Amino acid sequence: RRETKDMPAMDRHAKGAHNQSLMREVNERIEQLAEDAAHPEFLCECANVDCAATIPLSLAEYEAVRSSPLHFPIKPGHDFPEFERVVEENKSYVVVEKVGKAGEIAQRLDPRASA
């Protein structure tokens, strides 16, 4: 999970924020396609570029997380405390909030910001 140990902290924060923003864009498309699905699965929006885990979220749950451009739904244990904090937990997923430079990047890359 921490394959970037030798990378400077700010580079890890930026890379993590970019990865999470990419997963968020994919999930935006999944949400559009899943409107009729009874139990949609969304991609884990963690900062690990190798993660391919999915999270069972209803459309209402996903929308609640997406109400903030700084919040990302992830699998439990996939958080990176160096640049995000857990703000909500349940049995299927946790919600992390990006902080510092990573938060600035996440906000700038929010696909809903230009909508």
N, C-alpha and C. Protein backbone atom coordinates (compact mmCIF):
# COMPACT_ATOMS: atom_id res chain seq x y z
N ARG A 1 0.82 -1.19 0.00
CA ARG A 1 0.00 0.00 0.00
C ARG A 1 0.86 1.25 0.00
N ARG A 2 1.97 1.24 0.60
CA ARG A 2 2.81 2.43 0.74
C ARG A 2 4.03 2.34 -0.17
N GLU A 3 3.81 2.09 -1.45
CA GLU A 3 4.91 1.93 -2.38
C GLU A 3 5.66 3.23 -2.65
N THR A 4 5.16 4.34 -2.13
CA THR A 4 5.75 5.65 -2.41
C THR A 4 6.54 6.20 -1.23
N LYS A 5 7.08 5.33 -0.35
CA LYS A 5 7.78 5.78 0.84
C LYS A 5 8.95 6.71 0.53
N ASP A 6 9.67 6.47 -0.57
CA ASP A 6 10.83 7.28 -0.90
C ASP A 6 10.46 8.60 -1.55
N MET A 7 9.22 8.78 -1.94
CA MET A 7 8.75 9.99 -2.58
C MET A 7 8.53 11.07 -1.52
N PRO A 8 8.89 12.33 -1.81
CA PRO A 8 8.64 13.41 -0.83
C PRO A 8 7.15 13.48 -0.47
N ALA A 9 6.88 13.91 0.76
CA ALA A 9 5.51 13.91 1.28
C ALA A 9 4.55 14.66 0.38
N MET A 10 4.90 15.85 -0.09
CA MET A 10 3.98 16.63 -0.92
C MET A 10 3.68 15.91 -2.23
N ASP A 11 4.67 15.20 -2.80
CA ASP A 11 4.42 14.45 -4.02
C ASP A 11 3.44 13.31 -3.76
N ARG A 12 3.58 12.64 -2.60
CA ARG A 12 2.65 11.56 -2.25
C ARG A 12 1.25 12.11 -2.07
N HIS A 13 1.15 13.27 -1.44
CA HIS A 13 -0.17 13.88 -1.22
C HIS A 13 -0.81 14.21 -2.56
N ALA A 14 -0.04 14.81 -3.46
CA ALA A 14 -0.57 15.18 -4.77
C ALA A 14 -0.96 13.94 -5.57
N LYS A 15 -0.11 12.92 -5.56
CA LYS A 15 -0.40 11.70 -6.30
C LYS A 15 -1.66 11.03 -5.74
N GLY A 16 -1.77 11.00 -4.41
CA GLY A 16 -2.96 10.41 -3.80
C GLY A 16 -4.22 11.17 -4.16
N ALA A 17 -4.15 12.49 -4.12
CA ALA A 17 -5.32 13.31 -4.46
C ALA A 17 -5.70 13.12 -5.92
N HIS A 18 -4.71 13.06 -6.80
CA HIS A 18 -5.01 12.84 -8.22
C HIS A 18 -5.66 11.48 -8.45
N ASN A 19 -5.13 10.44 -7.79
CA ASN A 19 -5.71 9.10 -7.94
C ASN A 19 -7.14 9.07 -7.43
N GLN A 20 -7.38 9.67 -6.27
CA GLN A 20 -8.74 9.68 -5.74
C GLN A 20 -9.67 10.46 -6.64
N SER A 21 -9.21 11.52 -7.22
CA SER A 21 -10.05 12.31 -8.12
C SER A 21 -10.38 11.52 -9.38
N LEU A 22 -9.44 10.73 -9.88
CA LEU A 22 -9.70 9.89 -11.04
C LEU A 22 -10.77 8.85 -10.72
N MET A 23 -10.65 8.20 -9.55
CA MET A 23 -11.66 7.21 -9.15
C MET A 23 -13.02 7.87 -8.98
N ARG A 24 -13.02 9.10 -8.49
CA ARG A 24 -14.28 9.82 -8.31
C ARG A 24 -14.93 10.07 -9.67
N GLU A 25 -14.14 10.42 -10.68
CA GLU A 25 -14.71 10.63 -12.02
C GLU A 25 -15.31 9.34 -12.56
N VAL A 26 -14.63 8.22 -12.35
CA VAL A 26 -15.17 6.93 -12.80
C VAL A 26 -16.48 6.65 -12.06
N ASN A 27 -16.51 6.91 -10.76
CA ASN A 27 -17.73 6.67 -9.99
C ASN A 27 -18.88 7.58 -10.42
N GLU A 28 -18.56 8.77 -10.88
CA GLU A 28 -19.61 9.65 -11.41
C GLU A 28 -20.28 8.97 -12.62
N ARG A 29 -19.48 8.32 -13.45
CA ARG A 29 -20.03 7.61 -14.61
C ARG A 29 -20.81 6.38 -14.16
N ILE A 30 -20.29 5.65 -13.17
CA ILE A 30 -21.01 4.49 -12.65
C ILE A 30 -22.36 4.92 -12.10
N GLU A 31 -22.38 6.04 -11.39
CA GLU A 31 -23.63 6.53 -10.83
C GLU A 31 -24.65 6.79 -11.94
N GLN A 32 -24.20 7.40 -13.03
CA GLN A 32 -25.10 7.68 -14.14
C GLN A 32 -25.67 6.39 -14.73
N LEU A 33 -24.84 5.36 -14.82
CA LEU A 33 -25.28 4.09 -15.41
C LEU A 33 -26.08 3.24 -14.43
N ALA A 34 -25.90 3.46 -13.13
CA ALA A 34 -26.50 2.59 -12.12
C ALA A 34 -27.84 3.08 -11.59
N GLU A 35 -28.39 4.10 -12.17
CA GLU A 35 -29.63 4.65 -11.64
C GLU A 35 -30.74 3.62 -11.51
N ASP A 36 -30.73 2.60 -12.36
CA ASP A 36 -31.77 1.57 -12.31
C ASP A 36 -31.33 0.32 -11.57
N ALA A 37 -30.09 0.25 -11.13
CA ALA A 37 -29.58 -0.94 -10.44
C ALA A 37 -30.06 -0.96 -8.99
N ALA A 38 -30.41 -2.14 -8.51
CA ALA A 38 -30.89 -2.27 -7.13
C ALA A 38 -29.75 -2.12 -6.13
N HIS A 39 -28.57 -2.66 -6.43
CA HIS A 39 -27.43 -2.63 -5.52
C HIS A 39 -26.16 -2.26 -6.28
N PRO A 40 -25.98 -0.98 -6.59
CA PRO A 40 -24.79 -0.60 -7.36
C PRO A 40 -23.50 -0.74 -6.54
N GLU A 41 -22.41 -0.99 -7.23
CA GLU A 41 -21.08 -1.06 -6.63
C GLU A 41 -20.27 0.10 -7.20
N PHE A 42 -19.58 0.79 -6.32
CA PHE A 42 -18.72 1.89 -6.72
C PHE A 42 -17.27 1.51 -6.44
N LEU A 43 -16.35 2.12 -7.17
CA LEU A 43 -14.93 1.87 -6.93
C LEU A 43 -14.48 2.55 -5.65
N CYS A 44 -13.59 1.89 -4.94
CA CYS A 44 -12.96 2.49 -3.78
C CYS A 44 -12.19 3.71 -4.26
N GLU A 45 -12.39 4.84 -3.63
CA GLU A 45 -11.74 6.07 -4.05
C GLU A 45 -10.51 6.37 -3.19
N CYS A 46 -9.81 5.32 -2.77
CA CYS A 46 -8.62 5.52 -1.95
C CYS A 46 -7.45 6.02 -2.80
N ALA A 47 -6.40 6.44 -2.14
CA ALA A 47 -5.24 7.02 -2.82
C ALA A 47 -4.29 5.96 -3.37
N ASN A 48 -4.52 4.70 -3.11
CA ASN A 48 -3.66 3.63 -3.61
C ASN A 48 -3.93 3.40 -5.10
N VAL A 49 -2.96 3.68 -5.93
CA VAL A 49 -3.15 3.57 -7.38
C VAL A 49 -3.40 2.14 -7.83
N ASP A 50 -3.06 1.14 -7.02
CA ASP A 50 -3.26 -0.26 -7.38
C ASP A 50 -4.57 -0.85 -6.87
N CYS A 51 -5.35 -0.07 -6.13
CA CYS A 51 -6.60 -0.58 -5.56
C CYS A 51 -7.67 -0.71 -6.64
N ALA A 52 -8.32 -1.86 -6.66
CA ALA A 52 -9.43 -2.10 -7.58
C ALA A 52 -10.66 -2.60 -6.82
N ALA A 53 -10.69 -2.33 -5.51
CA ALA A 53 -11.81 -2.78 -4.68
C ALA A 53 -13.08 -2.02 -5.02
N THR A 54 -14.20 -2.65 -4.73
CA THR A 54 -15.49 -2.00 -4.92
C THR A 54 -16.20 -1.88 -3.58
N ILE A 55 -17.14 -0.94 -3.53
CA ILE A 55 -17.89 -0.66 -2.31
C ILE A 55 -19.37 -0.66 -2.65
N PRO A 56 -20.18 -1.41 -1.90
CA PRO A 56 -21.63 -1.35 -2.13
C PRO A 56 -22.19 -0.06 -1.52
N LEU A 57 -22.67 0.82 -2.36
CA LEU A 57 -23.26 2.09 -1.93
C LEU A 57 -24.56 2.29 -2.67
N SER A 58 -25.57 2.76 -1.98
CA SER A 58 -26.78 3.16 -2.68
C SER A 58 -26.48 4.50 -3.35
N LEU A 59 -27.33 4.88 -4.28
CA LEU A 59 -27.14 6.18 -4.93
C LEU A 59 -27.27 7.31 -3.91
N ALA A 60 -28.16 7.16 -2.95
CA ALA A 60 -28.33 8.18 -1.91
C ALA A 60 -27.08 8.29 -1.04
N GLU A 61 -26.47 7.14 -0.70
CA GLU A 61 -25.24 7.18 0.09
C GLU A 61 -24.12 7.85 -0.70
N TYR A 62 -23.99 7.50 -1.97
CA TYR A 62 -22.95 8.12 -2.80
C TYR A 62 -23.17 9.63 -2.89
N GLU A 63 -24.40 10.04 -3.09
CA GLU A 63 -24.71 11.47 -3.17
C GLU A 63 -24.39 12.19 -1.86
N ALA A 64 -24.64 11.53 -0.74
CA ALA A 64 -24.34 12.14 0.55
C ALA A 64 -22.84 12.37 0.70
N VAL A 65 -22.03 11.39 0.28
CA VAL A 65 -20.57 11.56 0.33
C VAL A 65 -20.14 12.68 -0.61
N ARG A 66 -20.71 12.69 -1.80
CA ARG A 66 -20.32 13.67 -2.83
C ARG A 66 -20.81 15.07 -2.53
N SER A 67 -21.56 15.26 -1.46
CA SER A 67 -22.02 16.62 -1.13
C SER A 67 -20.83 17.53 -0.80
N SER A 68 -19.67 16.95 -0.53
CA SER A 68 -18.45 17.72 -0.32
C SER A 68 -17.39 17.27 -1.31
N PRO A 69 -16.74 18.21 -1.99
CA PRO A 69 -15.68 17.82 -2.93
C PRO A 69 -14.44 17.27 -2.22
N LEU A 70 -14.38 17.39 -0.90
CA LEU A 70 -13.24 16.90 -0.12
C LEU A 70 -13.45 15.49 0.42
N HIS A 71 -14.65 14.92 0.25
CA HIS A 71 -14.98 13.62 0.81
C HIS A 71 -14.90 12.52 -0.26
N PHE A 72 -14.38 11.36 0.18
CA PHE A 72 -14.22 10.21 -0.70
C PHE A 72 -14.63 8.94 0.03
N PRO A 73 -15.45 8.06 -0.60
CA PRO A 73 -15.79 6.79 0.03
C PRO A 73 -14.67 5.77 -0.27
N ILE A 74 -14.21 5.09 0.78
CA ILE A 74 -13.15 4.10 0.61
C ILE A 74 -13.45 2.86 1.45
N LYS A 75 -12.75 1.77 1.14
CA LYS A 75 -12.85 0.56 1.95
C LYS A 75 -12.21 0.83 3.31
N PRO A 76 -12.71 0.24 4.37
CA PRO A 76 -12.07 0.39 5.68
C PRO A 76 -10.59 -0.03 5.62
N GLY A 77 -9.74 0.75 6.22
CA GLY A 77 -8.31 0.46 6.24
C GLY A 77 -7.54 1.00 5.06
N HIS A 78 -8.21 1.63 4.10
CA HIS A 78 -7.55 2.17 2.92
C HIS A 78 -7.17 3.64 3.06
N ASP A 79 -7.29 4.19 4.26
CA ASP A 79 -7.01 5.61 4.44
C ASP A 79 -5.51 5.88 4.57
N PHE A 80 -5.13 7.11 4.25
CA PHE A 80 -3.76 7.60 4.35
C PHE A 80 -3.78 8.79 5.31
N PRO A 81 -3.53 8.55 6.60
CA PRO A 81 -3.63 9.62 7.61
C PRO A 81 -2.71 10.81 7.36
N GLU A 82 -1.69 10.66 6.53
CA GLU A 82 -0.79 11.78 6.25
C GLU A 82 -1.50 12.94 5.55
N PHE A 83 -2.55 12.64 4.77
CA PHE A 83 -3.20 13.71 4.02
C PHE A 83 -4.72 13.60 3.97
N GLU A 84 -5.30 12.78 4.85
CA GLU A 84 -6.75 12.69 4.93
C GLU A 84 -7.14 12.18 6.31
N ARG A 85 -8.39 12.47 6.69
CA ARG A 85 -8.88 11.97 7.97
C ARG A 85 -10.25 11.31 7.77
N VAL A 86 -10.50 10.29 8.56
CA VAL A 86 -11.78 9.57 8.51
C VAL A 86 -12.82 10.44 9.19
N VAL A 87 -13.92 10.72 8.48
CA VAL A 87 -14.99 11.55 9.03
C VAL A 87 -16.29 10.77 9.24
N GLU A 88 -16.36 9.56 8.69
CA GLU A 88 -17.54 8.71 8.86
C GLU A 88 -17.13 7.26 8.68
N GLU A 89 -17.71 6.37 9.48
CA GLU A 89 -17.42 4.94 9.38
C GLU A 89 -18.70 4.14 9.47
N ASN A 90 -18.76 3.08 8.68
CA ASN A 90 -19.81 2.07 8.83
C ASN A 90 -19.22 0.74 8.42
N LYS A 91 -20.00 -0.32 8.38
CA LYS A 91 -19.43 -1.65 8.14
C LYS A 91 -18.94 -1.86 6.70
N SER A 92 -19.48 -1.14 5.73
CA SER A 92 -19.13 -1.36 4.33
C SER A 92 -18.05 -0.41 3.80
N TYR A 93 -18.01 0.78 4.33
CA TYR A 93 -17.08 1.78 3.81
C TYR A 93 -16.83 2.85 4.87
N VAL A 94 -15.80 3.66 4.63
CA VAL A 94 -15.55 4.84 5.44
C VAL A 94 -15.49 6.04 4.49
N VAL A 95 -15.68 7.21 5.04
CA VAL A 95 -15.56 8.44 4.27
C VAL A 95 -14.35 9.19 4.81
N VAL A 96 -13.45 9.55 3.90
CA VAL A 96 -12.29 10.35 4.30
C VAL A 96 -12.43 11.75 3.74
N GLU A 97 -11.82 12.68 4.44
CA GLU A 97 -11.79 14.07 4.01
C GLU A 97 -10.34 14.44 3.74
N LYS A 98 -10.08 14.94 2.55
CA LYS A 98 -8.73 15.38 2.19
C LYS A 98 -8.41 16.66 2.95
N VAL A 99 -7.16 16.79 3.38
CA VAL A 99 -6.72 17.98 4.11
C VAL A 99 -5.47 18.56 3.46
N GLY A 100 -5.21 19.83 3.73
CA GLY A 100 -4.00 20.49 3.23
C GLY A 100 -3.96 20.57 1.71
N LYS A 101 -2.77 20.39 1.16
CA LYS A 101 -2.57 20.47 -0.29
C LYS A 101 -3.42 19.44 -1.03
N ALA A 102 -3.55 18.24 -0.44
CA ALA A 102 -4.37 17.20 -1.07
C ALA A 102 -5.83 17.65 -1.18
N GLY A 103 -6.31 18.37 -0.17
CA GLY A 103 -7.67 18.91 -0.22
C GLY A 103 -7.84 19.94 -1.31
N GLU A 104 -6.82 20.79 -1.47
CA GLU A 104 -6.86 21.80 -2.53
C GLU A 104 -6.93 21.14 -3.90
N ILE A 105 -6.13 20.10 -4.09
CA ILE A 105 -6.12 19.38 -5.37
C ILE A 105 -7.46 18.71 -5.62
N ALA A 106 -7.98 18.02 -4.60
CA ALA A 106 -9.27 17.33 -4.75
C ALA A 106 -10.38 18.31 -5.11
N GLN A 107 -10.37 19.47 -4.49
CA GLN A 107 -11.40 20.48 -4.78
C GLN A 107 -11.26 21.00 -6.20
N ARG A 108 -10.03 21.23 -6.63
CA ARG A 108 -9.79 21.74 -7.98
C ARG A 108 -10.18 20.72 -9.05
N LEU A 109 -9.99 19.42 -8.76
CA LEU A 109 -10.27 18.37 -9.74
C LEU A 109 -11.68 17.79 -9.65
N ASP A 110 -12.53 18.35 -8.79
CA ASP A 110 -13.89 17.86 -8.63
C ASP A 110 -14.65 18.00 -9.95
N PRO A 111 -15.12 16.88 -10.53
CA PRO A 111 -15.82 16.96 -11.82
C PRO A 111 -17.14 17.73 -11.74
N ARG A 112 -17.69 17.88 -10.56
CA ARG A 112 -18.94 18.64 -10.40
C ARG A 112 -18.71 20.12 -10.25
N ALA A 113 -17.49 20.55 -10.04
CA ALA A 113 -17.20 21.97 -9.84
C ALA A 113 -17.51 22.80 -11.08
N SER A 114 -17.34 22.22 -12.26
CA SER A 114 -17.60 22.97 -13.49
C SER A 114 -19.00 22.75 -14.01
N ALA A 115 -19.76 21.88 -13.32
CA ALA A 115 -21.13 21.58 -13.78
C ALA A 115 -22.10 22.69 -13.40
